[in-house]
């Protein structure tokens, strides 16, 4: 698993660049250092940064820079059922309940 504090070179990736007329680019490599993409090109000419972890994606798709923009700020991130969320929201519909919810949302954001 790649870590933010260690350079990483992803090789043998099928890169999707996110452009308007995007075509999959097979057998590509992407170098990442301190969370920043520093190089992208064919795997055949890729050079790993010093001390890098090399991860062979075996043709898996990679879309560099993609950010997960779907969040539920009230949740802990653990998969759970919403249950009877409506009833809970009715119980929190008061000044104290709204303050608690705001506190949770700020912490999650």
PDB file of N, CA and C in Angstrom:
ATOM      1  N   UNK A   1       0.844  -1.184   0.000  1.00  0.00           N
ATOM      2  CA  UNK A   1       0.000   0.000   0.000  1.00  0.00           C
ATOM      3  C   UNK A   1       0.882   1.237   0.000  1.00  0.00           C
ATOM      4  N   UNK A   2       0.598   2.172  -0.892  1.00  0.00           N
ATOM      5  CA  UNK A   2       1.373   3.399  -1.000  1.00  0.00           C
ATOM      6  C   UNK A   2       1.142   4.278   0.225  1.00  0.00           C
ATOM      7  N   UNK A   3       2.190   4.991   0.616  1.00  0.00           N
ATOM      8  CA  UNK A   3       2.075   5.925   1.741  1.00  0.00           C
ATOM      9  C   UNK A   3       2.505   7.306   1.284  1.00  0.00           C
ATOM     10  N   UNK A   4       1.999   8.346   1.928  1.00  0.00           N
ATOM     11  CA  UNK A   4       2.282   9.724   1.528  1.00  0.00           C
ATOM     12  C   UNK A   4       3.732  10.113   1.779  1.00  0.00           C
ATOM     13  N   UNK A   5       4.404   9.486   2.739  1.00  0.00           N
ATOM     14  CA  UNK A   5       5.766   9.889   3.082  1.00  0.00           C
ATOM     15  C   UNK A   5       6.834   9.140   2.290  1.00  0.00           C
ATOM     16  N   UNK A   6       6.460   8.207   1.451  1.00  0.00           N
ATOM     17  CA  UNK A   6       7.425   7.435   0.663  1.00  0.00           C
ATOM     18  C   UNK A   6       7.087   7.587  -0.820  1.00  0.00           C
ATOM     19  N   UNK A   7       8.091   7.899  -1.670  1.00  0.00           N
ATOM     20  CA  UNK A   7       7.796   7.983  -3.106  1.00  0.00           C
ATOM     21  C   UNK A   7       7.231   6.661  -3.613  1.00  0.00           C
ATOM     22  N   UNK A   8       6.364   6.754  -4.600  1.00  0.00           N
ATOM     23  CA  UNK A   8       5.728   5.566  -5.162  1.00  0.00           C
ATOM     24  C   UNK A   8       5.751   5.655  -6.679  1.00  0.00           C
ATOM     25  N   UNK A   9       6.028   4.532  -7.323  1.00  0.00           N
ATOM     26  CA  UNK A   9       5.938   4.445  -8.776  1.00  0.00           C
ATOM     27  C   UNK A   9       4.927   3.359  -9.099  1.00  0.00           C
ATOM     28  N   UNK A  10       3.833   3.760  -9.730  1.00  0.00           N
ATOM     29  CA  UNK A  10       2.827   2.812 -10.191  1.00  0.00           C
ATOM     30  C   UNK A  10       3.197   2.451 -11.631  1.00  0.00           C
ATOM     31  N   UNK A  11       3.339   1.162 -11.925  1.00  0.00           N
ATOM     32  CA  UNK A  11       3.687   0.733 -13.273  1.00  0.00           C
ATOM     33  C   UNK A  11       2.599  -0.175 -13.838  1.00  0.00           C
ATOM     34  N   UNK A  12       2.652  -0.367 -15.151  1.00  0.00           N
ATOM     35  CA  UNK A  12       1.697  -1.244 -15.856  1.00  0.00           C
ATOM     36  C   UNK A  12       0.250  -0.848 -15.574  1.00  0.00           C
ATOM     37  N   UNK A  13       0.012   0.457 -15.557  1.00  0.00           N
ATOM     38  CA  UNK A  13      -1.338   0.982 -15.317  1.00  0.00           C
ATOM     39  C   UNK A  13      -2.000   1.328 -16.643  1.00  0.00           C
ATOM     40  N   UNK A  14      -3.311   1.233 -16.673  1.00  0.00           N
ATOM     41  CA  UNK A  14      -4.082   1.767 -17.789  1.00  0.00           C
ATOM     42  C   UNK A  14      -4.594   3.112 -17.301  1.00  0.00           C
ATOM     43  N   UNK A  15      -3.985   4.183 -17.800  1.00  0.00           N
ATOM     44  CA  UNK A  15      -4.264   5.519 -17.287  1.00  0.00           C
ATOM     45  C   UNK A  15      -5.451   6.148 -18.015  1.00  0.00           C
ATOM     46  N   UNK A  16      -6.332   6.743 -17.225  1.00  0.00           N
ATOM     47  CA  UNK A  16      -7.426   7.573 -17.724  1.00  0.00           C
ATOM     48  C   UNK A  16      -7.090   8.989 -17.280  1.00  0.00           C
ATOM     49  N   UNK A  17      -6.893   9.911 -18.243  1.00  0.00           N
ATOM     50  CA  UNK A  17      -6.404  11.244 -17.884  1.00  0.00           C
ATOM     51  C   UNK A  17      -7.497  12.259 -17.575  1.00  0.00           C
ATOM     52  N   UNK A  18      -8.757  11.892 -17.760  1.00  0.00           N
ATOM     53  CA  UNK A  18      -9.848  12.795 -17.416  1.00  0.00           C
ATOM     54  C   UNK A  18     -10.137  13.860 -18.449  1.00  0.00           C
ATOM     55  N   UNK A  19      -9.453  13.833 -19.580  1.00  0.00           N
ATOM     56  CA  UNK A  19      -9.690  14.831 -20.624  1.00  0.00           C
ATOM     57  C   UNK A  19     -11.034  14.575 -21.313  1.00  0.00           C
ATOM     58  N   UNK A  20     -11.485  15.558 -22.085  1.00  0.00           N
ATOM     59  CA  UNK A  20     -12.802  15.472 -22.726  1.00  0.00           C
ATOM     60  C   UNK A  20     -12.942  14.253 -23.631  1.00  0.00           C
ATOM     61  N   UNK A  21     -11.942  13.959 -24.417  1.00  0.00           N
ATOM     62  CA  UNK A  21     -12.000  12.832 -25.360  1.00  0.00           C
ATOM     63  C   UNK A  21     -11.066  11.712 -24.901  1.00  0.00           C
ATOM     64  N   UNK A  22     -11.087  11.445 -23.637  1.00  0.00           N
ATOM     65  CA  UNK A  22     -10.186  10.490 -22.993  1.00  0.00           C
ATOM     66  C   UNK A  22     -10.243   9.108 -23.635  1.00  0.00           C
ATOM     67  N   UNK A  23      -9.068   8.565 -23.874  1.00  0.00           N
ATOM     68  CA  UNK A  23      -8.899   7.193 -24.322  1.00  0.00           C
ATOM     69  C   UNK A  23      -8.003   6.500 -23.306  1.00  0.00           C
ATOM     70  N   UNK A  24      -8.273   5.265 -22.928  1.00  0.00           N
ATOM     71  CA  UNK A  24      -7.384   4.547 -22.003  1.00  0.00           C
ATOM     72  C   UNK A  24      -5.970   4.457 -22.589  1.00  0.00           C
ATOM     73  N   UNK A  25      -4.973   4.711 -21.747  1.00  0.00           N
ATOM     74  CA  UNK A  25      -3.569   4.641 -22.152  1.00  0.00           C
ATOM     75  C   UNK A  25      -2.937   3.446 -21.437  1.00  0.00           C
ATOM     76  N   UNK A  26      -2.789   2.318 -22.126  1.00  0.00           N
ATOM     77  CA  UNK A  26      -2.255   1.117 -21.467  1.00  0.00           C
ATOM     78  C   UNK A  26      -0.754   1.200 -21.210  1.00  0.00           C
ATOM     79  N   UNK A  27      -0.300   0.380 -20.259  1.00  0.00           N
ATOM     80  CA  UNK A  27       1.115   0.211 -19.924  1.00  0.00           C
ATOM     81  C   UNK A  27       1.812   1.526 -19.602  1.00  0.00           C
ATOM     82  N   UNK A  28       1.185   2.317 -18.743  1.00  0.00           N
ATOM     83  CA  UNK A  28       1.736   3.603 -18.322  1.00  0.00           C
ATOM     84  C   UNK A  28       2.247   3.502 -16.887  1.00  0.00           C
ATOM     85  N   UNK A  29       3.071   4.475 -16.524  1.00  0.00           N
ATOM     86  CA  UNK A  29       3.613   4.566 -15.171  1.00  0.00           C
ATOM     87  C   UNK A  29       3.346   5.965 -14.631  1.00  0.00           C
ATOM     88  N   UNK A  30       3.154   6.054 -13.311  1.00  0.00           N
ATOM     89  CA  UNK A  30       2.918   7.333 -12.646  1.00  0.00           C
ATOM     90  C   UNK A  30       3.764   7.367 -11.381  1.00  0.00           C
ATOM     91  N   UNK A  31       4.601   8.405 -11.271  1.00  0.00           N
ATOM     92  CA  UNK A  31       5.433   8.586 -10.077  1.00  0.00           C
ATOM     93  C   UNK A  31       4.774   9.613  -9.174  1.00  0.00           C
ATOM     94  N   UNK A  32       4.749   9.309  -7.869  1.00  0.00           N
ATOM     95  CA  UNK A  32       4.139  10.203  -6.883  1.00  0.00           C
ATOM     96  C   UNK A  32       5.138  10.409  -5.744  1.00  0.00           C
ATOM     97  N   UNK A  33       5.370  11.683  -5.411  1.00  0.00           N
ATOM     98  CA  UNK A  33       6.250  12.018  -4.293  1.00  0.00           C
ATOM     99  C   UNK A  33       5.548  13.042  -3.416  1.00  0.00           C
ATOM    100  N   UNK A  34       5.472  12.755  -2.126  1.00  0.00           N
ATOM    101  CA  UNK A  34       4.809  13.625  -1.141  1.00  0.00           C
ATOM    102  C   UNK A  34       3.398  14.016  -1.594  1.00  0.00           C
ATOM    103  N   UNK A  35       2.690  13.043  -2.184  1.00  0.00           N
ATOM    104  CA  UNK A  35       1.311  13.260  -2.595  1.00  0.00           C
ATOM    105  C   UNK A  35       1.150  14.033  -3.895  1.00  0.00           C
ATOM    106  N   UNK A  36       2.246  14.290  -4.611  1.00  0.00           N
ATOM    107  CA  UNK A  36       2.190  15.049  -5.856  1.00  0.00           C
ATOM    108  C   UNK A  36       2.672  14.168  -7.005  1.00  0.00           C
ATOM    109  N   UNK A  37       1.926  14.172  -8.109  1.00  0.00           N
ATOM    110  CA  UNK A  37       2.340  13.439  -9.295  1.00  0.00           C
ATOM    111  C   UNK A  37       3.537  14.168  -9.881  1.00  0.00           C
ATOM    112  N   UNK A  38       4.685  13.491  -9.973  1.00  0.00           N
ATOM    113  CA  UNK A  38       5.908  14.123 -10.475  1.00  0.00           C
ATOM    114  C   UNK A  38       6.272  13.681 -11.885  1.00  0.00           C
ATOM    115  N   UNK A  39       5.708  12.581 -12.352  1.00  0.00           N
ATOM    116  CA  UNK A  39       6.016  12.100 -13.692  1.00  0.00           C
ATOM    117  C   UNK A  39       4.961  11.108 -14.120  1.00  0.00           C
ATOM    118  N   UNK A  40       4.683  11.117 -15.438  1.00  0.00           N
ATOM    119  CA  UNK A  40       3.793  10.120 -16.016  1.00  0.00           C
ATOM    120  C   UNK A  40       4.289   9.825 -17.428  1.00  0.00           C
ATOM    121  N   UNK A  41       4.362   8.541 -17.766  1.00  0.00           N
ATOM    122  CA  UNK A  41       4.799   8.156 -19.094  1.00  0.00           C
ATOM    123  C   UNK A  41       4.759   6.656 -19.246  1.00  0.00           C
ATOM    124  N   UNK A  42       5.293   6.140 -20.355  1.00  0.00           N
ATOM    125  CA  UNK A  42       5.279   4.693 -20.588  1.00  0.00           C
ATOM    126  C   UNK A  42       6.065   3.937 -19.521  1.00  0.00           C
ATOM    127  N   UNK A  43       5.538   2.808 -19.097  1.00  0.00           N
ATOM    128  CA  UNK A  43       6.220   1.984 -18.086  1.00  0.00           C
ATOM    129  C   UNK A  43       7.618   1.577 -18.542  1.00  0.00           C
ATOM    130  N   UNK A  44       7.807   1.380 -19.845  1.00  0.00           N
ATOM    131  CA  UNK A  44       9.086   0.908 -20.370  1.00  0.00           C
ATOM    132  C   UNK A  44      10.234   1.872 -20.093  1.00  0.00           C
ATOM    133  N   UNK A  45       9.947   3.159 -19.926  1.00  0.00           N
ATOM    134  CA  UNK A  45      11.012   4.144 -19.688  1.00  0.00           C
ATOM    135  C   UNK A  45      10.938   4.764 -18.295  1.00  0.00           C
ATOM    136  N   UNK A  46      10.055   4.250 -17.458  1.00  0.00           N
ATOM    137  CA  UNK A  46       9.882   4.814 -16.113  1.00  0.00           C
ATOM    138  C   UNK A  46      11.115   4.564 -15.254  1.00  0.00           C
ATOM    139  N   UNK A  47      11.468   5.567 -14.461  1.00  0.00           N
ATOM    140  CA  UNK A  47      12.553   5.434 -13.493  1.00  0.00           C
ATOM    141  C   UNK A  47      11.985   5.761 -12.125  1.00  0.00           C
ATOM    142  N   UNK A  48      12.109   4.832 -11.209  1.00  0.00           N
ATOM    143  CA  UNK A  48      11.567   5.019  -9.865  1.00  0.00           C
ATOM    144  C   UNK A  48      12.382   6.076  -9.114  1.00  0.00           C
ATOM    145  N   UNK A  49      11.712   6.987  -8.400  1.00  0.00           N
ATOM    146  CA  UNK A  49      12.429   7.914  -7.545  1.00  0.00           C
ATOM    147  C   UNK A  49      13.215   7.140  -6.477  1.00  0.00           C
ATOM    148  N   UNK A  50      14.268   7.727  -5.959  1.00  0.00           N
ATOM    149  CA  UNK A  50      15.095   7.070  -4.938  1.00  0.00           C
ATOM    150  C   UNK A  50      14.235   6.617  -3.769  1.00  0.00           C
ATOM    151  N   UNK A  51      14.389   5.358  -3.385  1.00  0.00           N
ATOM    152  CA  UNK A  51      13.666   4.804  -2.242  1.00  0.00           C
ATOM    153  C   UNK A  51      12.193   4.543  -2.487  1.00  0.00           C
ATOM    154  N   UNK A  52      11.775   4.597  -3.741  1.00  0.00           N
ATOM    155  CA  UNK A  52      10.349   4.455  -4.059  1.00  0.00           C
ATOM    156  C   UNK A  52       9.864   3.020  -3.906  1.00  0.00           C
ATOM    157  N   UNK A  53       8.607   2.920  -3.533  1.00  0.00           N
ATOM    158  CA  UNK A  53       7.906   1.642  -3.574  1.00  0.00           C
ATOM    159  C   UNK A  53       7.344   1.516  -4.981  1.00  0.00           C
ATOM    160  N   UNK A  54       7.581   0.397  -5.645  1.00  0.00           N
ATOM    161  CA  UNK A  54       7.078   0.170  -6.996  1.00  0.00           C
ATOM    162  C   UNK A  54       5.870  -0.752  -6.892  1.00  0.00           C
ATOM    163  N   UNK A  55       4.749  -0.280  -7.430  1.00  0.00           N
ATOM    164  CA  UNK A  55       3.504  -1.044  -7.373  1.00  0.00           C
ATOM    165  C   UNK A  55       3.070  -1.375  -8.803  1.00  0.00           C
ATOM    166  N   UNK A  56       3.025  -2.657  -9.123  1.00  0.00           N
ATOM    167  CA  UNK A  56       2.614  -3.126 -10.443  1.00  0.00           C
ATOM    168  C   UNK A  56       1.096  -3.269 -10.443  1.00  0.00           C
ATOM    169  N   UNK A  57       0.422  -2.447 -11.231  1.00  0.00           N
ATOM    170  CA  UNK A  57      -1.036  -2.475 -11.279  1.00  0.00           C
ATOM    171  C   UNK A  57      -1.580  -3.511 -12.258  1.00  0.00           C
ATOM    172  N   UNK A  58      -0.710  -4.219 -12.965  1.00  0.00           N
ATOM    173  CA  UNK A  58      -1.105  -5.327 -13.845  1.00  0.00           C
ATOM    174  C   UNK A  58      -2.270  -4.959 -14.771  1.00  0.00           C
ATOM    175  N   UNK A  59      -2.212  -3.732 -15.321  1.00  0.00           N
ATOM    176  CA  UNK A  59      -3.228  -3.312 -16.272  1.00  0.00           C
ATOM    177  C   UNK A  59      -4.463  -2.665 -15.657  1.00  0.00           C
ATOM    178  N   UNK A  60      -4.544  -2.613 -14.332  1.00  0.00           N
ATOM    179  CA  UNK A  60      -5.701  -1.984 -13.687  1.00  0.00           C
ATOM    180  C   UNK A  60      -5.774  -0.505 -14.071  1.00  0.00           C
ATOM    181  N   UNK A  61      -6.972   0.044 -14.027  1.00  0.00           N
ATOM    182  CA  UNK A  61      -7.176   1.440 -14.392  1.00  0.00           C
ATOM    183  C   UNK A  61      -6.715   2.363 -13.272  1.00  0.00           C
ATOM    184  N   UNK A  62      -6.119   3.491 -13.669  1.00  0.00           N
ATOM    185  CA  UNK A  62      -5.652   4.503 -12.728  1.00  0.00           C
ATOM    186  C   UNK A  62      -6.047   5.852 -13.294  1.00  0.00           C
ATOM    187  N   UNK A  63      -6.698   6.670 -12.470  1.00  0.00           N
ATOM    188  CA  UNK A  63      -7.065   8.017 -12.882  1.00  0.00           C
ATOM    189  C   UNK A  63      -6.386   8.988 -11.929  1.00  0.00           C
ATOM    190  N   UNK A  64      -5.149   9.395 -12.257  1.00  0.00           N
ATOM    191  CA  UNK A  64      -4.394  10.265 -11.359  1.00  0.00           C
ATOM    192  C   UNK A  64      -5.136  11.561 -11.057  1.00  0.00           C
ATOM    193  N   UNK A  65      -5.106  11.944  -9.795  1.00  0.00           N
ATOM    194  CA  UNK A  65      -5.716  13.196  -9.374  1.00  0.00           C
ATOM    195  C   UNK A  65      -7.186  13.109  -9.040  1.00  0.00           C
ATOM    196  N   UNK A  66      -7.809  11.957  -9.244  1.00  0.00           N
ATOM    197  CA  UNK A  66      -9.229  11.818  -8.950  1.00  0.00           C
ATOM    198  C   UNK A  66      -9.473  11.947  -7.453  1.00  0.00           C
ATOM    199  N   UNK A  67     -10.456  12.720  -7.092  1.00  0.00           N
ATOM    200  CA  UNK A  67     -10.783  12.954  -5.687  1.00  0.00           C
ATOM    201  C   UNK A  67     -12.192  12.423  -5.419  1.00  0.00           C
ATOM    202  N   UNK A  68     -12.364  11.729  -4.314  1.00  0.00           N
ATOM    203  CA  UNK A  68     -13.685  11.264  -3.912  1.00  0.00           C
ATOM    204  C   UNK A  68     -14.448  12.454  -3.340  1.00  0.00           C
ATOM    205  N   UNK A  69     -15.431  12.928  -4.060  1.00  0.00           N
ATOM    206  CA  UNK A  69     -16.199  14.099  -3.626  1.00  0.00           C
ATOM    207  C   UNK A  69     -17.534  13.708  -2.986  1.00  0.00           C
ATOM    208  N   UNK A  70     -17.740  12.438  -2.712  1.00  0.00           N
ATOM    209  CA  UNK A  70     -18.985  11.976  -2.111  1.00  0.00           C
ATOM    210  C   UNK A  70     -18.737  11.666  -0.640  1.00  0.00           C
ATOM    211  N   UNK A  71     -19.329  12.450   0.213  1.00  0.00           N
ATOM    212  CA  UNK A  71     -19.133  12.240   1.649  1.00  0.00           C
ATOM    213  C   UNK A  71     -20.461  12.347   2.387  1.00  0.00           C
ATOM    214  N   UNK A  72     -20.507  11.732   3.552  1.00  0.00           N
ATOM    215  CA  UNK A  72     -21.617  11.861   4.482  1.00  0.00           C
ATOM    216  C   UNK A  72     -21.006  12.407   5.763  1.00  0.00           C
ATOM    217  N   UNK A  73     -21.124  13.707   5.971  1.00  0.00           N
ATOM    218  CA  UNK A  73     -20.436  14.349   7.083  1.00  0.00           C
ATOM    219  C   UNK A  73     -20.945  13.924   8.453  1.00  0.00           C
ATOM    220  N   UNK A  74     -22.130  13.354   8.506  1.00  0.00           N
ATOM    221  CA  UNK A  74     -22.652  12.894   9.799  1.00  0.00           C
ATOM    222  C   UNK A  74     -22.113  11.524  10.181  1.00  0.00           C
ATOM    223  N   UNK A  75     -21.555  10.809   9.247  1.00  0.00           N
ATOM    224  CA  UNK A  75     -21.125   9.445   9.516  1.00  0.00           C
ATOM    225  C   UNK A  75     -19.697   9.350  10.009  1.00  0.00           C
ATOM    226  N   UNK A  76     -19.365   8.178  10.500  1.00  0.00           N
ATOM    227  CA  UNK A  76     -18.019   7.900  10.990  1.00  0.00           C
ATOM    228  C   UNK A  76     -17.127   7.338   9.894  1.00  0.00           C
ATOM    229  N   UNK A  77     -17.705   7.005   8.746  1.00  0.00           N
ATOM    230  CA  UNK A  77     -16.953   6.368   7.684  1.00  0.00           C
ATOM    231  C   UNK A  77     -17.114   4.861   7.692  1.00  0.00           C
ATOM    232  N   UNK A  78     -17.700   4.334   8.760  1.00  0.00           N
ATOM    233  CA  UNK A  78     -17.935   2.897   8.849  1.00  0.00           C
ATOM    234  C   UNK A  78     -19.279   2.583   8.201  1.00  0.00           C
ATOM    235  N   UNK A  79     -19.354   1.481   7.460  1.00  0.00           N
ATOM    236  CA  UNK A  79     -20.630   1.146   6.821  1.00  0.00           C
ATOM    237  C   UNK A  79     -21.678   0.720   7.853  1.00  0.00           C
ATOM    238  N   UNK A  80     -22.744   1.469   7.913  1.00  0.00           N
ATOM    239  CA  UNK A  80     -23.852   1.157   8.824  1.00  0.00           C
ATOM    240  C   UNK A  80     -25.163   1.471   8.125  1.00  0.00           C
ATOM    241  N   UNK A  81     -26.224   0.902   8.618  1.00  0.00           N
ATOM    242  CA  UNK A  81     -27.548   1.184   8.082  1.00  0.00           C
ATOM    243  C   UNK A  81     -28.025   2.533   8.596  1.00  0.00           C
ATOM    244  N   UNK A  82     -28.758   3.258   7.762  1.00  0.00           N
ATOM    245  CA  UNK A  82     -29.315   4.546   8.183  1.00  0.00           C
ATOM    246  C   UNK A  82     -30.423   4.340   9.213  1.00  0.00           C
ATOM    247  N   UNK A  83     -30.945   3.124   9.279  1.00  0.00           N
ATOM    248  CA  UNK A  83     -32.007   2.856  10.249  1.00  0.00           C
ATOM    249  C   UNK A  83     -33.164   3.813  10.074  1.00  0.00           C
ATOM    250  N   UNK A  84     -33.666   4.304  11.166  1.00  0.00           N
ATOM    251  CA  UNK A  84     -34.770   5.269  11.127  1.00  0.00           C
ATOM    252  C   UNK A  84     -34.196   6.670  11.299  1.00  0.00           C
ATOM    253  N   UNK A  85     -33.469   7.124  10.284  1.00  0.00           N
ATOM    254  CA  UNK A  85     -32.802   8.425  10.350  1.00  0.00           C
ATOM    255  C   UNK A  85     -33.806   9.561  10.526  1.00  0.00           C
ATOM    256  N   UNK A  86     -34.983   9.409   9.946  1.00  0.00           N
ATOM    257  CA  UNK A  86     -36.003  10.457  10.079  1.00  0.00           C
ATOM    258  C   UNK A  86     -36.402  10.688  11.528  1.00  0.00           C
ATOM    259  N   UNK A  87     -36.593   9.613  12.273  1.00  0.00           N
ATOM    260  CA  UNK A  87     -36.967   9.746  13.691  1.00  0.00           C
ATOM    261  C   UNK A  87     -35.835  10.401  14.477  1.00  0.00           C
ATOM    262  N   UNK A  88     -34.607  10.025  14.169  1.00  0.00           N
ATOM    263  CA  UNK A  88     -33.460  10.623  14.851  1.00  0.00           C
ATOM    264  C   UNK A  88     -33.389  12.114  14.552  1.00  0.00           C
ATOM    265  N   UNK A  89     -33.592  12.510  13.312  1.00  0.00           N
ATOM    266  CA  UNK A  89     -33.542  13.921  12.945  1.00  0.00           C
ATOM    267  C   UNK A  89     -34.617  14.721  13.681  1.00  0.00           C
ATOM    268  N   UNK A  90     -35.797  14.129  13.876  1.00  0.00           N
ATOM    269  CA  UNK A  90     -36.862  14.817  14.625  1.00  0.00           C
ATOM    270  C   UNK A  90     -36.440  15.042  16.067  1.00  0.00           C
ATOM    271  N   UNK A  91     -35.739  14.075  16.654  1.00  0.00           N
ATOM    272  CA  UNK A  91     -35.276  14.214  18.036  1.00  0.00           C
ATOM    273  C   UNK A  91     -34.197  15.283  18.160  1.00  0.00           C
ATOM    274  N   UNK A  92     -33.437  15.480  17.096  1.00  0.00           N
ATOM    275  CA  UNK A  92     -32.351  16.469  17.130  1.00  0.00           C
ATOM    276  C   UNK A  92     -32.805  17.855  16.694  1.00  0.00           C
ATOM    277  N   UNK A  93     -34.079  18.006  16.340  1.00  0.00           N
ATOM    278  CA  UNK A  93     -34.594  19.290  15.853  1.00  0.00           C
ATOM    279  C   UNK A  93     -34.939  20.213  17.018  1.00  0.00           C
ATOM    280  N   UNK A  94     -33.900  20.629  17.719  1.00  0.00           N
ATOM    281  CA  UNK A  94     -34.013  21.576  18.828  1.00  0.00           C
ATOM    282  C   UNK A  94     -32.651  22.245  18.964  1.00  0.00           C
ATOM    283  N   UNK A  95     -32.533  23.334  19.719  1.00  0.00           N
ATOM    284  CA  UNK A  95     -31.247  24.045  19.793  1.00  0.00           C
ATOM    285  C   UNK A  95     -30.073  23.167  20.234  1.00  0.00           C
ATOM    286  N   UNK A  96     -30.261  22.322  21.226  1.00  0.00           N
ATOM    287  CA  UNK A  96     -29.178  21.471  21.706  1.00  0.00           C
ATOM    288  C   UNK A  96     -28.822  20.425  20.639  1.00  0.00           C
ATOM    289  N   UNK A  97     -29.834  19.800  20.057  1.00  0.00           N
ATOM    290  CA  UNK A  97     -29.600  18.797  19.021  1.00  0.00           C
ATOM    291  C   UNK A  97     -28.877  19.387  17.826  1.00  0.00           C
ATOM    292  N   UNK A  98     -29.278  20.590  17.387  1.00  0.00           N
ATOM    293  CA  UNK A  98     -28.613  21.235  16.256  1.00  0.00           C
ATOM    294  C   UNK A  98     -27.164  21.574  16.595  1.00  0.00           C
ATOM    295  N   UNK A  99     -26.904  21.967  17.828  1.00  0.00           N
ATOM    296  CA  UNK A  99     -25.525  22.259  18.246  1.00  0.00           C
ATOM    297  C   UNK A  99     -24.675  21.001  18.201  1.00  0.00           C
ATOM    298  N   UNK A 100     -25.231  19.892  18.645  1.00  0.00           N
ATOM    299  CA  UNK A 100     -24.507  18.614  18.609  1.00  0.00           C
ATOM    300  C   UNK A 100     -24.206  18.233  17.158  1.00  0.00           C
ATOM    301  N   UNK A 101     -25.192  18.354  16.287  1.00  0.00           N
ATOM    302  CA  UNK A 101     -25.010  18.005  14.883  1.00  0.00           C
ATOM    303  C   UNK A 101     -23.960  18.916  14.237  1.00  0.00           C
ATOM    304  N   UNK A 102     -24.011  20.229  14.517  1.00  0.00           N
ATOM    305  CA  UNK A 102     -23.003  21.138  13.982  1.00  0.00           C
ATOM    306  C   UNK A 102     -21.593  20.747  14.429  1.00  0.00           C
ATOM    307  N   UNK A 103     -21.470  20.348  15.687  1.00  0.00           N
ATOM    308  CA  UNK A 103     -20.172  19.925  16.229  1.00  0.00           C
ATOM    309  C   UNK A 103     -19.662  18.682  15.479  1.00  0.00           C
ATOM    310  N   UNK A 104     -20.537  17.723  15.249  1.00  0.00           N
ATOM    311  CA  UNK A 104     -20.157  16.510  14.519  1.00  0.00           C
ATOM    312  C   UNK A 104     -19.760  16.848  13.080  1.00  0.00           C
ATOM    313  N   UNK A 105     -20.548  17.701  12.430  1.00  0.00           N
ATOM    314  CA  UNK A 105     -20.253  18.073  11.046  1.00  0.00           C
ATOM    315  C   UNK A 105     -18.920  18.799  10.933  1.00  0.00           C
ATOM    316  N   UNK A 106     -18.642  19.712  11.848  1.00  0.00           N
ATOM    317  CA  UNK A 106     -17.363  20.447  11.819  1.00  0.00           C
ATOM    318  C   UNK A 106     -16.193  19.482  11.991  1.00  0.00           C
ATOM    319  N   UNK A 107     -16.331  18.530  12.903  1.00  0.00           N
ATOM    320  CA  UNK A 107     -15.274  17.551  13.119  1.00  0.00           C
ATOM    321  C   UNK A 107     -15.031  16.676  11.899  1.00  0.00           C
ATOM    322  N   UNK A 108     -16.105  16.319  11.206  1.00  0.00           N
ATOM    323  CA  UNK A 108     -15.985  15.468  10.030  1.00  0.00           C
ATOM    324  C   UNK A 108     -15.433  16.223   8.828  1.00  0.00           C
ATOM    325  N   UNK A 109     -15.791  17.500   8.726  1.00  0.00           N
ATOM    326  CA  UNK A 109     -15.328  18.304   7.576  1.00  0.00           C
ATOM    327  C   UNK A 109     -13.854  18.564   7.679  1.00  0.00           C
TER     328      UNK A 109
END
